[in-house]
């Protein structure tokens, strides 16, 4: 009989961008790419866009940005394909919600370590979470191809890379396949946002996330999209309500930093089957460039 005495997990989402949360206060979990893929699989696992391991920064065992203290809680974020990512705006809200609900932090504002540096998070009285996302750096123009059609894109860096395309009606876009981009500029992949301006206060966005595919939302993507729209309006400082498929978030960008405010919800918790978890311990062999 299967024993359900494996690692603890929680399931949560921010505007329907969903995550498996793995508490690891002693830094004991070996989070392999194979385990991440299995956890995120919507048929043979729990199903998610990514995994958030909750671990003290000092126990992570890798070189971190200089501003991340060893005693900070670190968001070890993995994409659904098992790849390591620098930052996730929706994920960090869910991560912070877990810290508060679990009693690991008791103040209204908490520093969260990420591979893009420290992100300060505040749980609002209404339950929403505000994240200081840091500065949005505009890098220049490139292009994106969808179904053979090329469109101009603005490169925006938020600790992870983005290409933002300002376009018209979004419903006709086929994002079931990877949009084309310049791999020489983005050798590690790129998140691609398609943005429709609704009015001076609201924009609509769809996103194809690297390592995942199209998702219902992308936190850093909403900030990149807002930065591109504000820049296109000839402004340096501005805010927008960003409508994504999973809901609405509020983003403000300034020349110095940016903030993202939106919901975060934890919906389930439990324990993984110990035999299932152990069976995924070793990485599968790769044959002719193909792995399960």
Protein backbone atom coordinates (compact mmCIF):
# COMPACT_ATOMS: atom_id res chain seq x y z
CA UNK A 1 0.00 0.00 0.00
CA UNK A 2 1.22 3.48 -0.90
CA UNK A 3 2.49 5.46 2.11
CA UNK A 4 1.55 9.13 2.10
CA UNK A 5 4.38 10.12 4.39
CA UNK A 6 6.41 11.87 1.71
CA UNK A 7 7.15 15.62 1.55
CA UNK A 8 4.46 18.13 2.52
CA UNK A 9 2.96 20.16 -0.32
CA UNK A 10 0.47 22.97 -0.82
CA UNK A 11 -1.31 24.07 -3.98
CA UNK A 12 -1.94 27.74 -4.67
CA UNK A 13 -2.42 30.27 -7.42
CA UNK A 14 -2.16 33.97 -8.23
CA UNK A 15 -4.68 34.99 -10.91
CA UNK A 16 -4.82 31.30 -11.92
CA UNK A 17 -1.07 31.03 -12.47
CA UNK A 18 -0.76 27.92 -10.28
CA UNK A 19 2.05 26.44 -8.23
CA UNK A 20 3.02 23.53 -6.04
CA UNK A 21 4.58 24.84 -2.82
CA UNK A 22 7.14 22.57 -1.11
CA UNK A 23 8.10 23.64 2.44
CA UNK A 24 11.74 22.70 3.08
CA UNK A 25 12.84 24.55 6.25
CA UNK A 26 15.88 22.30 6.76
CA UNK A 27 17.02 22.26 3.14
CA UNK A 28 16.61 18.49 2.82
CA UNK A 29 14.61 18.09 -0.41
CA UNK A 30 16.41 17.12 -3.58
CA UNK A 31 14.32 18.91 -6.16
CA UNK A 32 15.40 17.33 -9.44
CA UNK A 33 14.11 18.41 -12.83
CA UNK A 34 12.36 15.04 -13.16
CA UNK A 35 10.49 15.56 -9.90
CA UNK A 36 9.44 19.06 -10.94
CA UNK A 37 8.11 17.81 -14.27
CA UNK A 38 6.17 15.04 -12.54
CA UNK A 39 4.68 17.38 -9.93
CA UNK A 40 3.57 19.86 -12.60
CA UNK A 41 2.11 17.23 -14.93
CA UNK A 42 -1.66 17.70 -14.97
CA UNK A 43 -2.37 14.01 -15.58
CA UNK A 44 0.21 12.07 -13.55
CA UNK A 45 1.05 14.68 -10.92
CA UNK A 46 -0.58 17.55 -9.05
CA UNK A 47 -0.61 19.90 -12.03
CA UNK A 48 0.98 23.36 -11.97
CA UNK A 49 2.81 26.02 -13.95
CA UNK A 50 5.75 25.76 -11.57
CA UNK A 51 7.14 24.67 -8.20
CA UNK A 52 8.05 26.95 -5.27
CA UNK A 53 10.43 25.43 -2.73
CA UNK A 54 10.45 27.31 0.59
CA UNK A 55 13.99 27.13 1.96
CA UNK A 56 16.30 29.38 4.03
CA UNK A 57 18.71 31.18 1.71
CA UNK A 58 21.73 29.93 3.64
CA UNK A 59 20.78 26.30 2.96
CA UNK A 60 20.22 26.62 -0.77
CA UNK A 61 23.77 25.61 -1.68
CA UNK A 62 24.33 27.95 -4.60
CA UNK A 63 25.71 31.43 -5.25
CA UNK A 64 23.00 34.04 -4.71
CA UNK A 65 22.74 37.79 -5.40
CA UNK A 66 24.67 39.85 -2.86
CA UNK A 67 21.55 41.46 -1.38
CA UNK A 68 20.02 38.12 -0.31
CA UNK A 69 20.80 37.51 3.39
CA UNK A 70 21.46 33.98 4.59
CA UNK A 71 18.52 34.08 7.02
CA UNK A 72 15.91 35.15 4.44
CA UNK A 73 13.27 32.78 3.16
CA UNK A 74 14.22 31.91 -0.42
CA UNK A 75 11.81 31.20 -3.27
CA UNK A 76 13.51 28.38 -5.16
CA UNK A 77 11.38 28.63 -8.30
CA UNK A 78 11.29 26.00 -11.05
CA UNK A 79 9.38 26.13 -14.34
CA UNK A 80 7.07 23.24 -15.26
CA UNK A 81 9.74 21.75 -17.54
CA UNK A 82 12.15 21.50 -14.59
CA UNK A 83 14.31 24.48 -15.51
CA UNK A 84 15.44 26.96 -12.87
CA UNK A 85 14.04 30.50 -13.13
CA UNK A 86 15.15 33.79 -11.62
CA UNK A 87 11.83 35.29 -10.57
CA UNK A 88 8.04 34.90 -10.74
CA UNK A 89 5.71 37.73 -9.74
CA UNK A 90 2.64 35.55 -9.21
CA UNK A 91 4.74 32.90 -7.51
CA UNK A 92 6.26 35.29 -5.01
CA UNK A 93 2.77 36.41 -3.95
CA UNK A 94 1.73 32.79 -3.33
CA UNK A 95 5.07 32.20 -1.57
CA UNK A 96 4.48 35.19 0.74
CA UNK A 97 0.92 34.08 1.44
CA UNK A 98 2.28 30.71 2.56
CA UNK A 99 4.86 32.35 4.86
CA UNK A 100 2.16 34.42 6.58
CA UNK A 101 -0.39 31.60 6.82
CA UNK A 102 2.26 29.19 8.19
CA UNK A 103 3.35 31.70 10.84
CA UNK A 104 6.90 31.82 9.50
CA UNK A 105 6.73 35.62 9.36
CA UNK A 106 4.63 37.90 11.53
CA UNK A 107 5.24 41.39 10.20
CA UNK A 108 3.34 43.13 7.41
CA UNK A 109 6.40 43.40 5.22
CA UNK A 110 8.88 40.61 4.54
CA UNK A 111 11.99 40.28 2.34
CA UNK A 112 11.88 37.25 0.04
CA UNK A 113 15.08 35.98 -1.55
CA UNK A 114 15.01 35.17 -5.27
CA UNK A 115 17.63 34.57 -7.93
CA UNK A 116 16.87 38.10 -9.14
CA UNK A 117 17.62 39.52 -5.68
CA UNK A 118 15.48 40.40 -2.66
CA UNK A 119 11.82 41.23 -3.29
CA UNK A 120 9.93 43.00 -0.47
CA UNK A 121 6.39 41.69 -0.08
CA UNK A 122 3.42 43.15 1.84
CA UNK A 123 0.17 41.31 2.58
CA UNK A 124 -2.60 43.91 2.28
CA UNK A 125 -5.59 44.09 4.69
CA UNK A 126 -7.91 42.86 1.92
CA UNK A 127 -5.78 39.73 1.40
CA UNK A 128 -4.09 40.90 -1.76
CA UNK A 129 -0.29 40.90 -1.88
CA UNK A 130 1.94 43.73 -3.08
CA UNK A 131 5.43 42.95 -4.32
CA UNK A 132 8.25 45.42 -4.94
CA UNK A 133 9.41 44.01 -8.26
CA UNK A 134 12.48 46.21 -8.69
CA UNK A 135 13.32 48.30 -11.73
CA UNK A 136 12.14 47.33 -15.19
CA UNK A 137 15.06 47.75 -17.60
CA UNK A 138 14.17 48.37 -21.25
CA UNK A 139 16.88 46.78 -23.39
CA UNK A 140 15.82 47.64 -26.95
CA UNK A 141 13.75 46.29 -29.82
CA UNK A 142 13.57 42.84 -31.34
CA UNK A 143 10.86 40.82 -33.09
CA UNK A 144 8.54 37.87 -32.46
CA UNK A 145 6.94 35.55 -35.00
CA UNK A 146 3.52 33.94 -34.50
CA UNK A 147 2.11 31.63 -37.21
CA UNK A 148 4.55 33.09 -39.72
CA UNK A 149 3.62 36.69 -38.92
CA UNK A 150 6.40 38.91 -37.53
CA UNK A 151 5.69 41.70 -35.08
CA UNK A 152 7.88 44.24 -33.31
CA UNK A 153 8.73 43.58 -29.67
CA UNK A 154 10.34 45.52 -26.86
CA UNK A 155 12.89 43.73 -24.68
CA UNK A 156 12.30 44.33 -20.96
CA UNK A 157 14.37 42.82 -18.14
CA UNK A 158 12.92 42.23 -14.66
CA UNK A 159 15.62 39.88 -13.46
CA UNK A 160 14.21 37.51 -16.07
CA UNK A 161 13.85 38.30 -19.81
CA UNK A 162 10.69 39.48 -21.59
CA UNK A 163 9.64 40.48 -25.08
CA UNK A 164 6.51 42.66 -25.19
CA UNK A 165 4.44 42.99 -28.37
CA UNK A 166 1.85 45.78 -28.52
CA UNK A 167 -0.86 44.46 -30.78
CA UNK A 168 -4.60 44.52 -31.41
CA UNK A 169 -7.20 41.85 -30.72
CA UNK A 170 -5.63 38.98 -28.76
CA UNK A 171 -8.24 36.26 -29.16
CA UNK A 172 -7.03 35.17 -32.61
CA UNK A 173 -3.43 34.55 -31.54
CA UNK A 174 -2.35 30.90 -31.61
CA UNK A 175 -0.01 30.47 -28.64
CA UNK A 176 -0.24 26.68 -28.57
CA UNK A 177 3.22 26.57 -30.15
CA UNK A 178 6.39 28.43 -29.22
CA UNK A 179 6.48 31.90 -30.84
CA UNK A 180 9.66 32.58 -32.77
CA UNK A 181 12.37 34.86 -31.38
CA UNK A 182 16.10 35.51 -31.81
CA UNK A 183 17.91 32.72 -29.90
CA UNK A 184 21.20 34.60 -30.13
CA UNK A 185 19.69 37.39 -28.01
CA UNK A 186 17.90 34.98 -25.66
CA UNK A 187 19.93 31.76 -25.45
CA UNK A 188 18.11 30.70 -22.27
CA UNK A 189 14.64 31.45 -23.63
CA UNK A 190 12.33 34.40 -23.08
CA UNK A 191 8.84 35.16 -21.79
CA UNK A 192 6.69 36.74 -24.51
CA UNK A 193 3.75 39.05 -23.77
CA UNK A 194 1.09 40.16 -26.26
CA UNK A 195 -0.65 43.34 -25.12
CA UNK A 196 -3.82 45.14 -26.18
CA UNK A 197 -4.38 48.68 -24.86
CA UNK A 198 -8.00 49.07 -23.72
CA UNK A 199 -7.85 52.66 -22.45
CA UNK A 200 -5.59 54.95 -20.41
CA UNK A 201 -5.99 52.82 -17.28
CA UNK A 202 -6.41 49.24 -18.56
CA UNK A 203 -4.55 46.79 -20.76
CA UNK A 204 -5.19 43.17 -21.68
CA UNK A 205 -2.38 40.59 -21.91
CA UNK A 206 -1.71 37.04 -23.02
CA UNK A 207 1.62 35.39 -22.32
CA UNK A 208 3.76 32.49 -23.49
CA UNK A 209 6.13 31.65 -20.64
CA UNK A 210 9.48 30.02 -21.28
CA UNK A 211 9.58 26.48 -20.03
CA UNK A 212 5.80 26.35 -19.60
CA UNK A 213 3.80 27.54 -22.64
CA UNK A 214 0.77 29.81 -22.51
CA UNK A 215 -0.34 30.45 -18.92
CA UNK A 216 -3.33 32.18 -17.38
CA UNK A 217 -1.10 34.90 -15.98
CA UNK A 218 2.54 35.96 -15.49
CA UNK A 219 3.43 38.42 -12.75
CA UNK A 220 6.73 39.68 -14.14
CA UNK A 221 5.04 39.71 -17.55
CA UNK A 222 2.37 42.14 -16.35
CA UNK A 223 5.12 44.48 -15.13
CA UNK A 224 7.03 44.20 -18.40
CA UNK A 225 3.80 44.86 -20.33
CA UNK A 226 3.01 47.93 -18.23
CA UNK A 227 6.54 49.26 -18.65
CA UNK A 228 6.25 48.91 -22.42
CA UNK A 229 2.83 50.59 -22.55
CA UNK A 230 3.91 53.46 -20.29
CA UNK A 231 7.02 53.97 -22.41
CA UNK A 232 4.94 53.92 -25.61
CA UNK A 233 2.77 56.68 -24.10
CA UNK A 234 5.89 58.82 -23.64
CA UNK A 235 5.83 58.50 -19.86
CA UNK A 236 8.35 57.31 -17.27
CA UNK A 237 5.92 56.83 -14.40
CA UNK A 238 2.50 55.23 -14.64
CA UNK A 239 0.10 52.54 -13.49
CA UNK A 240 -2.25 50.16 -15.28
CA UNK A 241 -4.82 47.53 -14.40
CA UNK A 242 -3.67 44.46 -16.32
CA UNK A 243 -6.38 42.03 -17.38
CA UNK A 244 -5.05 38.49 -17.83
CA UNK A 245 -6.99 35.31 -18.45
CA UNK A 246 -6.95 34.51 -14.72
CA UNK A 247 -8.04 37.88 -13.36
CA UNK A 248 -6.80 41.43 -12.84
CA UNK A 249 -3.67 42.83 -11.19
CA UNK A 250 -2.50 46.40 -10.65
CA UNK A 251 0.99 47.44 -11.73
CA UNK A 252 2.87 50.68 -11.16
CA UNK A 253 6.22 51.46 -12.78
CA UNK A 254 8.61 54.31 -12.00
CA UNK A 255 12.17 55.05 -13.15
CA UNK A 256 13.38 53.53 -9.87
CA UNK A 257 11.19 50.48 -9.21
CA UNK A 258 7.85 48.81 -9.89
CA UNK A 259 5.09 47.25 -7.81
CA UNK A 260 2.64 44.44 -8.51
CA UNK A 261 -0.56 44.03 -6.48
CA UNK A 262 -2.89 41.07 -6.86
CA UNK A 263 -4.57 38.11 -5.20
CA UNK A 264 -2.87 35.00 -3.84
CA UNK A 265 -4.77 31.94 -2.70
CA UNK A 266 -3.80 28.62 -1.14
CA UNK A 267 -6.37 25.96 -2.01
CA UNK A 268 -5.05 22.61 -0.73
CA UNK A 269 -2.37 20.91 1.31
CA UNK A 270 -1.29 17.35 1.91
CA UNK A 271 1.60 14.91 1.62
CA UNK A 272 3.09 13.27 -1.42
CA UNK A 273 3.22 9.49 -1.67
CA UNK A 274 6.63 8.44 -0.37
CA UNK A 275 7.06 5.64 -2.92
CA UNK A 276 6.03 7.95 -5.77
CA UNK A 277 8.51 10.61 -4.64
CA UNK A 278 11.33 8.09 -4.19
CA UNK A 279 10.71 6.56 -7.62
CA UNK A 280 11.56 9.93 -9.17
CA UNK A 281 14.88 10.29 -7.34
CA UNK A 282 17.16 9.49 -10.28
CA UNK A 283 17.14 11.51 -13.49
CA UNK A 284 16.13 9.40 -16.52
CA UNK A 285 18.71 8.68 -19.18
CA UNK A 286 18.53 10.87 -22.25
CA UNK A 287 18.62 9.02 -25.57
CA UNK A 288 19.12 10.88 -28.85
CA UNK A 289 18.18 14.16 -27.23
CA UNK A 290 14.83 12.83 -25.96
CA UNK A 291 13.92 12.33 -22.31
CA UNK A 292 10.62 11.34 -20.72
